[in-house]
Amino acid sequence: MSLFQTLRARFKKLTKKKKILLLLFLGLVAIFSLAVGFYLGLNGNFGRILSPIGTLLENKPPEPRDFPNPINGVLYTKSEAAKWKDRLPLAVVLENHTDARPQSGLSKAEAVYEVLAEGGITRFLALYLAEDSILGPVRSNRTYFLDWLSEYRAGYAHIGGSPEAQARVKEFNISDLDQFFLGAPTYTRIANRFAPHNVYTTTDKLRGAADSRGYRGPVKLESWLFKDEESSASARPKKFELTLKFRENAPYVVDWKYNREKNLYLRFNGGASHIDKETNSQLSAKTIIVQEVIITPDPSGHSRIRIKTVGSGPVRIFQDGKVISGKWKKTSRTGRTRFFDNKGAEIAFNRGQIWIEIIPAGSPVIIKKN
């Protein structure tokens, strides 16, 4: 016997009075349901539902990701972006001496510049806006870093620097977060590493120090162009490797190996996987910019170098397992460096971490692909 037939049989057995009471009850339930529906409609609550105990529950669609990070193009929701959109960007000098590895915080940077400092040793200028991390080891200021960080109007974290570089920090009115002046607790020396490879800080401490010195955001950042990456893994190459030799100094040779499935490049330094100490993950990039610049010795006779940052020169962009050749242009110290293909069109980058590899003009760039 079906459920309907069972209910019908039971209904027939009821007395006339009970039948009337049951029908009245069902009618009241129907009227109540219609009234609730009408009320919700008037108050714009069609996207909500009632729980079994009568509590009004939200049934909202997921918040769209349509707020781009101006540095690397990563999309955030409105509520996520509210946490960082008014921040002052941070530019932090991190060293790459072999005794400084693994570093802390490189994986959390929106963009990382890698460039020669002296003696064939490279150094990083890492940019932070949305993400947070422990950072270190922090090292000293160089004049050419000022020209790149000025593009972001960033607070500048470093440990002293050459006399010329320090003088230019004041001349250029940089938002200075020098360890020489701030000291502890903004910067601390850790016990398990030897000086000078042991000075660390955090994004939170730097932002607090910046705020106390009157360095505040938001700043108007001139973004690069960004695009959605190619979605089909089958259209990507199976193998693509890039090698950069900074003056043939073996511990500082950089290899980037393409991961087809994730559409990113994994970083190797001195032949070993380059790891972030805080996340224990291998460093990677969605886009690699290899920018050739003119590098000359410092006329003062020191081992430091000078880099021509303003002007133009050759560039190669690596993303989606492909390479685009073109030209970089920077019209002034504070002007944004722009990147164009050989037809003169500005190049759009994949959304995600960007590495800018600054190499001496004419340096070999070794590419291996299938």
Protein backbone atom coordinates (compact mmCIF):
# COMPACT_ATOMS: atom_id res chain seq x y z
CA MET A 1 0.00 0.00 0.00
CA SER A 2 1.35 3.45 -0.93
CA LEU A 3 1.90 6.22 1.59
CA PHE A 4 -0.98 8.20 0.10
CA GLN A 5 -3.36 5.26 0.41
CA THR A 6 -2.30 4.70 4.04
CA LEU A 7 -2.90 8.35 4.98
CA ARG A 8 -6.25 8.34 3.16
CA ALA A 9 -7.38 5.23 5.04
CA ARG A 10 -6.42 6.75 8.39
CA PHE A 11 -8.15 10.02 7.54
CA LYS A 12 -11.43 8.15 6.80
CA LYS A 13 -11.30 6.54 10.27
CA LEU A 14 -11.22 9.94 12.00
CA THR A 15 -14.36 11.39 13.49
CA LYS A 16 -15.96 14.36 11.77
CA LYS A 17 -14.71 16.70 14.52
CA LYS A 18 -11.10 15.48 14.23
CA LYS A 19 -11.23 15.80 10.45
CA ILE A 20 -12.30 19.45 10.79
CA LEU A 21 -9.54 20.20 13.35
CA LEU A 22 -6.87 18.58 11.15
CA LEU A 23 -7.96 20.54 8.08
CA LEU A 24 -7.95 23.78 10.09
CA PHE A 25 -4.40 23.06 11.34
CA LEU A 26 -3.13 22.33 7.83
CA GLY A 27 -4.78 25.51 6.58
CA LEU A 28 -3.09 27.59 9.27
CA VAL A 29 0.32 26.07 8.37
CA ALA A 30 -0.25 26.97 4.72
CA ILE A 31 -1.27 30.55 5.58
CA PHE A 32 1.79 30.95 7.87
CA SER A 33 4.14 29.68 5.15
CA LEU A 34 2.70 32.10 2.61
CA ALA A 35 2.98 34.99 5.06
CA VAL A 36 6.64 34.21 5.82
CA GLY A 37 7.43 33.98 2.12
CA PHE A 38 5.71 37.32 1.46
CA TYR A 39 7.63 38.96 4.34
CA LEU A 40 10.99 37.68 3.14
CA GLY A 41 10.22 38.91 -0.35
CA LEU A 42 9.42 42.41 0.88
CA ASN A 43 12.64 42.56 2.91
CA GLY A 44 14.97 41.27 0.19
CA ASN A 45 15.59 37.91 1.85
CA PHE A 46 15.02 35.60 -1.10
CA GLY A 47 18.62 34.43 -0.71
CA ARG A 48 17.94 33.12 2.80
CA ILE A 49 16.38 29.95 4.16
CA LEU A 50 14.72 28.92 7.43
CA SER A 51 16.40 26.28 9.56
CA PRO A 52 14.26 23.52 11.16
CA ILE A 53 14.06 25.62 14.34
CA GLY A 54 13.00 28.74 12.48
CA THR A 55 16.35 30.59 12.46
CA LEU A 56 16.96 32.69 9.37
CA LEU A 57 20.10 31.46 7.59
CA GLU A 58 22.17 33.26 4.97
CA ASN A 59 22.51 31.59 1.58
CA LYS A 60 24.89 34.08 -0.03
CA PRO A 61 26.89 33.35 -3.17
CA PRO A 62 30.69 33.30 -2.70
CA GLU A 63 32.32 36.73 -2.62
CA PRO A 64 33.92 37.48 -6.00
CA ARG A 65 37.67 37.87 -6.34
CA ASP A 66 37.89 41.10 -8.26
CA PHE A 67 40.35 43.26 -6.26
CA PRO A 68 43.84 42.95 -7.85
CA ASN A 69 47.01 43.36 -5.83
CA PRO A 70 48.69 46.30 -7.60
CA ILE A 71 52.16 44.71 -7.35
CA ASN A 72 51.60 41.20 -8.69
CA GLY A 73 48.00 41.18 -9.92
CA VAL A 74 46.73 38.44 -7.58
CA LEU A 75 42.95 38.74 -7.13
CA TYR A 76 41.40 39.13 -3.66
CA THR A 77 37.86 39.47 -2.37
CA LYS A 78 36.69 42.88 -1.16
CA SER A 79 36.90 41.80 2.48
CA GLU A 80 40.41 40.36 1.98
CA ALA A 81 41.61 43.49 0.19
CA ALA A 82 40.28 45.68 3.00
CA LYS A 83 43.07 44.32 5.21
CA TRP A 84 45.90 45.60 3.00
CA LYS A 85 44.63 48.19 0.50
CA ASP A 86 45.58 51.13 2.76
CA ARG A 87 48.99 49.77 3.76
CA LEU A 88 52.36 51.26 2.96
CA PRO A 89 54.30 48.79 0.77
CA LEU A 90 57.54 47.50 2.28
CA ALA A 91 60.82 47.04 0.42
CA VAL A 92 63.25 44.85 2.37
CA VAL A 93 66.90 44.12 1.54
CA LEU A 94 67.59 40.41 2.11
CA GLU A 95 70.98 38.84 1.58
CA ASN A 96 71.93 35.76 -0.43
CA HIS A 97 75.32 34.82 0.98
CA THR A 98 75.58 31.04 1.28
CA ASP A 99 75.69 31.45 5.09
CA ALA A 100 72.35 33.30 4.94
CA ARG A 101 70.42 30.43 3.36
CA PRO A 102 67.68 29.44 3.79
CA GLN A 103 66.23 32.93 4.07
CA SER A 104 62.93 33.81 5.72
CA GLY A 105 60.06 35.49 3.90
CA LEU A 106 61.01 35.36 0.22
CA SER A 107 58.05 33.11 -0.61
CA LYS A 108 55.63 35.70 0.78
CA ALA A 109 56.88 38.65 -1.28
CA GLU A 110 54.74 39.96 -4.12
CA ALA A 111 57.86 40.69 -6.17
CA VAL A 112 61.59 40.06 -5.70
CA TYR A 113 64.50 41.83 -7.39
CA GLU A 114 67.77 39.86 -7.52
CA VAL A 115 70.94 41.74 -8.37
CA LEU A 116 74.69 41.63 -7.83
CA ALA A 117 75.94 43.44 -4.75
CA GLU A 118 79.69 42.87 -4.79
CA GLY A 119 82.15 40.00 -5.14
CA GLY A 120 79.79 38.10 -7.42
CA ILE A 121 77.29 37.72 -4.54
CA THR A 122 73.65 38.54 -5.23
CA ARG A 123 71.22 40.35 -2.97
CA PHE A 124 67.42 40.66 -2.94
CA LEU A 125 65.00 43.56 -2.72
CA ALA A 126 61.67 41.99 -1.70
CA LEU A 127 58.32 43.82 -1.88
CA TYR A 128 55.49 43.19 0.60
CA LEU A 129 51.94 44.54 0.66
CA ALA A 130 49.27 41.88 1.34
CA GLU A 131 51.28 39.07 2.94
CA ASP A 132 53.00 38.78 6.33
CA SER A 133 56.14 36.93 7.39
CA ILE A 134 59.31 36.81 9.44
CA LEU A 135 62.04 38.40 7.29
CA GLY A 136 65.77 37.88 7.18
CA PRO A 137 68.65 38.04 7.16
CA VAL A 138 68.37 41.78 6.44
CA ARG A 139 71.40 43.53 4.91
CA SER A 140 72.62 46.94 3.82
CA ASN A 141 71.45 49.65 1.45
CA ARG A 142 72.68 50.08 -2.13
CA THR A 143 72.03 53.12 -4.34
CA TYR A 144 70.34 51.17 -7.14
CA PHE A 145 67.79 49.68 -4.73
CA LEU A 146 66.48 53.22 -4.17
CA ASP A 147 65.62 53.60 -7.86
CA TRP A 148 63.49 50.43 -7.86
CA LEU A 149 61.75 50.89 -4.50
CA SER A 150 60.84 54.46 -5.48
CA GLU A 151 58.49 52.96 -8.08
CA TYR A 152 56.42 51.59 -5.17
CA ARG A 153 56.76 54.55 -2.74
CA ALA A 154 57.72 51.85 -0.25
CA GLY A 155 59.04 51.91 3.30
CA TYR A 156 62.69 50.84 3.10
CA ALA A 157 64.06 48.22 5.52
CA HIS A 158 67.85 47.77 5.58
CA ILE A 159 70.90 47.85 7.86
CA GLY A 160 72.89 50.98 7.11
CA GLY A 161 74.71 51.14 3.80
CA SER A 162 77.41 52.88 1.84
CA PRO A 163 77.85 56.61 2.59
CA GLU A 164 76.55 57.56 -0.86
CA ALA A 165 73.50 55.29 -0.56
CA GLN A 166 72.67 56.59 2.91
CA ALA A 167 72.95 60.20 1.75
CA ARG A 168 70.54 59.50 -1.11
CA VAL A 169 67.95 58.04 1.25
CA LYS A 170 67.70 61.51 2.82
CA GLU A 171 68.00 63.34 -0.50
CA PHE A 172 65.17 61.31 -2.07
CA ASN A 173 62.98 61.56 1.05
CA ILE A 174 62.66 57.77 1.29
CA SER A 175 60.44 56.35 4.06
CA ASP A 176 63.48 55.03 5.93
CA LEU A 177 63.26 52.00 8.24
CA ASP A 178 67.01 51.65 8.85
CA GLN A 179 68.03 49.20 11.59
CA PHE A 180 70.79 51.63 12.63
CA PHE A 181 68.11 54.02 13.94
CA LEU A 182 65.28 51.68 14.89
CA GLY A 183 67.21 48.86 16.57
CA ALA A 184 65.30 46.46 18.84
CA PRO A 185 62.55 45.36 19.04
CA THR A 186 61.90 46.17 15.36
CA TYR A 187 65.07 44.28 14.46
CA THR A 188 66.57 41.41 16.46
CA ARG A 189 69.66 39.23 16.17
CA ILE A 190 68.97 35.50 16.34
CA ALA A 191 71.28 33.18 18.29
CA ASN A 192 71.67 30.33 15.81
CA ARG A 193 73.44 32.37 13.11
CA PHE A 194 76.64 34.39 13.14
CA ALA A 195 76.85 38.11 12.35
CA PRO A 196 76.35 39.69 9.92
CA HIS A 197 73.89 37.02 8.77
CA ASN A 198 71.62 37.12 11.83
CA VAL A 199 69.45 40.27 11.75
CA TYR A 200 65.74 39.58 11.40
CA THR A 201 62.45 41.47 11.53
CA THR A 202 58.80 40.93 10.60
CA THR A 203 56.32 42.68 8.34
CA ASP A 204 54.19 43.54 11.39
CA LYS A 205 57.13 45.15 13.23
CA LEU A 206 58.13 47.15 10.17
CA ARG A 207 54.59 48.39 9.63
CA GLY A 208 54.39 49.42 13.28
CA ALA A 209 57.70 51.29 13.01
CA ALA A 210 56.59 52.97 9.79
CA ASP A 211 53.35 54.12 11.40
CA SER A 212 55.19 55.54 14.43
CA ARG A 213 57.46 57.56 12.11
CA GLY A 214 54.52 58.92 10.13
CA TYR A 215 55.06 56.75 7.06
CA ARG A 216 51.56 55.70 6.07
CA GLY A 217 49.63 54.40 3.11
CA PRO A 218 47.80 54.14 0.96
CA VAL A 219 50.12 55.05 -1.89
CA LYS A 220 49.15 55.19 -5.52
CA LEU A 221 50.95 52.37 -7.26
CA GLU A 222 51.32 52.29 -11.02
CA SER A 223 50.60 48.65 -11.82
CA TRP A 224 51.99 46.53 -14.58
CA LEU A 225 49.55 44.80 -16.94
CA PHE A 226 48.24 41.40 -15.84
CA LYS A 227 46.44 38.55 -17.54
CA ASP A 228 44.80 35.24 -16.72
CA GLU A 229 47.24 32.39 -17.29
CA GLU A 230 46.73 29.69 -19.89
CA SER A 231 44.35 27.12 -18.40
CA SER A 232 45.21 24.06 -20.49
CA ALA A 233 48.26 22.16 -19.21
CA SER A 234 48.38 20.15 -22.45
CA ALA A 235 49.23 23.34 -24.36
CA ARG A 236 52.28 23.98 -22.16
CA PRO A 237 55.76 22.60 -22.83
CA LYS A 238 56.83 19.52 -20.90
CA LYS A 239 60.28 20.92 -20.16
CA PHE A 240 61.66 24.44 -19.88
CA GLU A 241 64.73 25.39 -17.87
CA LEU A 242 66.45 28.74 -17.47
CA THR A 243 69.98 29.25 -16.10
CA LEU A 244 71.53 32.57 -15.06
CA LYS A 245 75.21 32.77 -14.19
CA PHE A 246 76.03 35.82 -12.12
CA ARG A 247 79.68 36.30 -13.16
CA GLU A 248 80.31 32.52 -13.18
CA ASN A 249 80.20 32.38 -9.37
CA ALA A 250 78.99 28.79 -8.85
CA PRO A 251 77.19 29.23 -5.47
CA TYR A 252 75.11 32.00 -7.05
CA VAL A 253 74.15 30.32 -10.32
CA VAL A 254 70.36 30.39 -10.58
CA ASP A 255 68.25 27.72 -12.25
CA TRP A 256 64.52 28.06 -12.84
CA LYS A 257 62.77 24.82 -13.80
CA TYR A 258 59.27 24.92 -15.24
CA ASN A 259 56.46 22.92 -13.61
CA ARG A 260 53.93 22.18 -16.34
CA GLU A 261 51.01 21.21 -14.09
CA LYS A 262 51.27 24.24 -11.78
CA ASN A 263 52.42 26.60 -14.54
CA LEU A 264 55.22 28.07 -12.45
CA TYR A 265 59.01 28.00 -12.21
CA LEU A 266 60.84 26.37 -9.30
CA ARG A 267 64.03 28.08 -8.12
CA PHE A 268 67.40 26.44 -7.55
CA ASN A 269 70.44 28.35 -6.24
CA GLY A 270 73.96 26.95 -6.39
CA GLY A 271 72.55 23.65 -7.64
CA ALA A 272 70.21 23.14 -4.65
CA SER A 273 66.49 23.75 -4.18
CA HIS A 274 66.07 27.27 -2.79
CA ILE A 275 63.87 26.98 0.31
CA ASP A 276 62.01 29.50 2.46
CA LYS A 277 62.90 28.73 6.09
CA GLU A 278 59.49 29.80 7.40
CA THR A 279 57.32 27.73 5.06
CA ASN A 280 59.83 24.97 4.25
CA SER A 281 58.65 25.32 0.64
CA GLN A 282 60.72 25.76 -2.49
CA LEU A 283 60.72 29.26 -3.93
CA SER A 284 58.79 29.66 -7.16
CA ALA A 285 57.62 32.33 -9.59
CA LYS A 286 54.73 32.75 -11.99
CA THR A 287 56.71 35.25 -14.07
CA ILE A 288 60.47 35.79 -14.39
CA ILE A 289 61.78 39.03 -15.86
CA VAL A 290 65.42 38.89 -16.99
CA GLN A 291 66.49 42.51 -17.35
CA GLU A 292 69.89 43.40 -18.80
CA VAL A 293 71.54 46.55 -17.39
CA ILE A 294 74.89 48.31 -17.64
CA ILE A 295 76.98 47.59 -14.53
CA THR A 296 80.22 49.46 -13.81
CA PRO A 297 82.71 49.50 -10.89
CA ASP A 298 82.20 52.08 -8.18
CA PRO A 299 84.65 54.95 -8.97
CA SER A 300 85.47 55.27 -5.27
CA GLY A 301 87.59 52.14 -5.57
CA HIS A 302 85.46 49.97 -3.32
CA SER A 303 84.18 46.56 -4.43
CA ARG A 304 80.69 48.03 -4.80
CA ILE A 305 79.12 48.52 -8.21
CA ARG A 306 76.94 51.03 -10.02
CA ILE A 307 73.93 50.08 -12.11
CA LYS A 308 72.26 52.15 -14.83
CA THR A 309 68.62 51.82 -13.80
CA VAL A 310 67.15 54.66 -15.87
CA GLY A 311 67.00 54.29 -19.64
CA SER A 312 66.30 51.17 -21.65
CA GLY A 313 67.77 47.80 -22.54
CA PRO A 314 67.05 44.20 -23.54
CA VAL A 315 64.62 42.08 -21.53
CA ARG A 316 63.25 38.55 -21.68
CA ILE A 317 60.00 37.54 -19.99
CA PHE A 318 59.48 33.91 -18.97
CA GLN A 319 55.93 32.70 -18.26
CA ASP A 320 53.62 29.87 -19.38
CA GLY A 321 56.72 27.87 -20.35
CA LYS A 322 57.54 30.43 -23.04
CA VAL A 323 59.90 33.34 -23.53
CA ILE A 324 59.08 36.81 -24.88
CA SER A 325 61.97 39.03 -25.97
CA GLY A 326 61.71 42.79 -25.89
CA LYS A 327 62.87 45.99 -24.24
CA TRP A 328 62.59 47.55 -20.77
CA LYS A 329 62.15 51.31 -20.32
CA LYS A 330 62.40 53.55 -17.25
CA THR A 331 62.17 57.29 -17.84
CA SER A 332 63.11 58.58 -14.37
CA ARG A 333 64.19 57.43 -10.92
CA THR A 334 60.60 57.34 -9.66
CA GLY A 335 59.08 56.27 -12.99
CA ARG A 336 57.75 52.74 -13.36
CA THR A 337 59.91 50.31 -15.32
CA ARG A 338 57.84 49.06 -18.26
CA PHE A 339 58.37 46.03 -20.45
CA PHE A 340 57.55 45.84 -24.16
CA ASP A 341 57.73 43.10 -26.79
CA ASN A 342 59.58 43.50 -30.08
CA LYS A 343 56.46 44.98 -31.67
CA GLY A 344 56.23 47.72 -29.04
CA ALA A 345 53.24 46.31 -27.13
CA GLU A 346 53.44 46.29 -23.34
CA ILE A 347 53.72 42.76 -21.95
CA ALA A 348 51.04 41.48 -19.56
CA PHE A 349 52.18 39.18 -16.74
CA ASN A 350 50.58 36.17 -15.10
CA ARG A 351 49.08 36.87 -11.70
CA GLY A 352 51.40 35.69 -8.94
CA GLN A 353 54.89 36.18 -7.57
CA ILE A 354 57.24 37.98 -9.95
CA TRP A 355 61.03 37.72 -9.91
CA ILE A 356 63.06 40.45 -11.62
CA GLU A 357 66.54 39.12 -12.38
CA ILE A 358 68.89 42.05 -12.98
CA ILE A 359 71.90 40.79 -14.95
CA PRO A 360 74.92 42.51 -16.55
CA ALA A 361 74.32 43.40 -20.20
CA GLY A 362 75.45 40.59 -22.47
CA SER A 363 75.43 37.93 -19.75
CA PRO A 364 74.53 34.44 -20.99
CA VAL A 365 70.97 33.26 -20.47
CA ILE A 366 70.89 29.50 -20.98
CA ILE A 367 67.54 28.01 -22.03
CA LYS A 368 66.75 24.30 -22.27
CA LYS A 369 63.41 23.11 -23.60
CA ASN A 370 61.84 20.16 -25.40
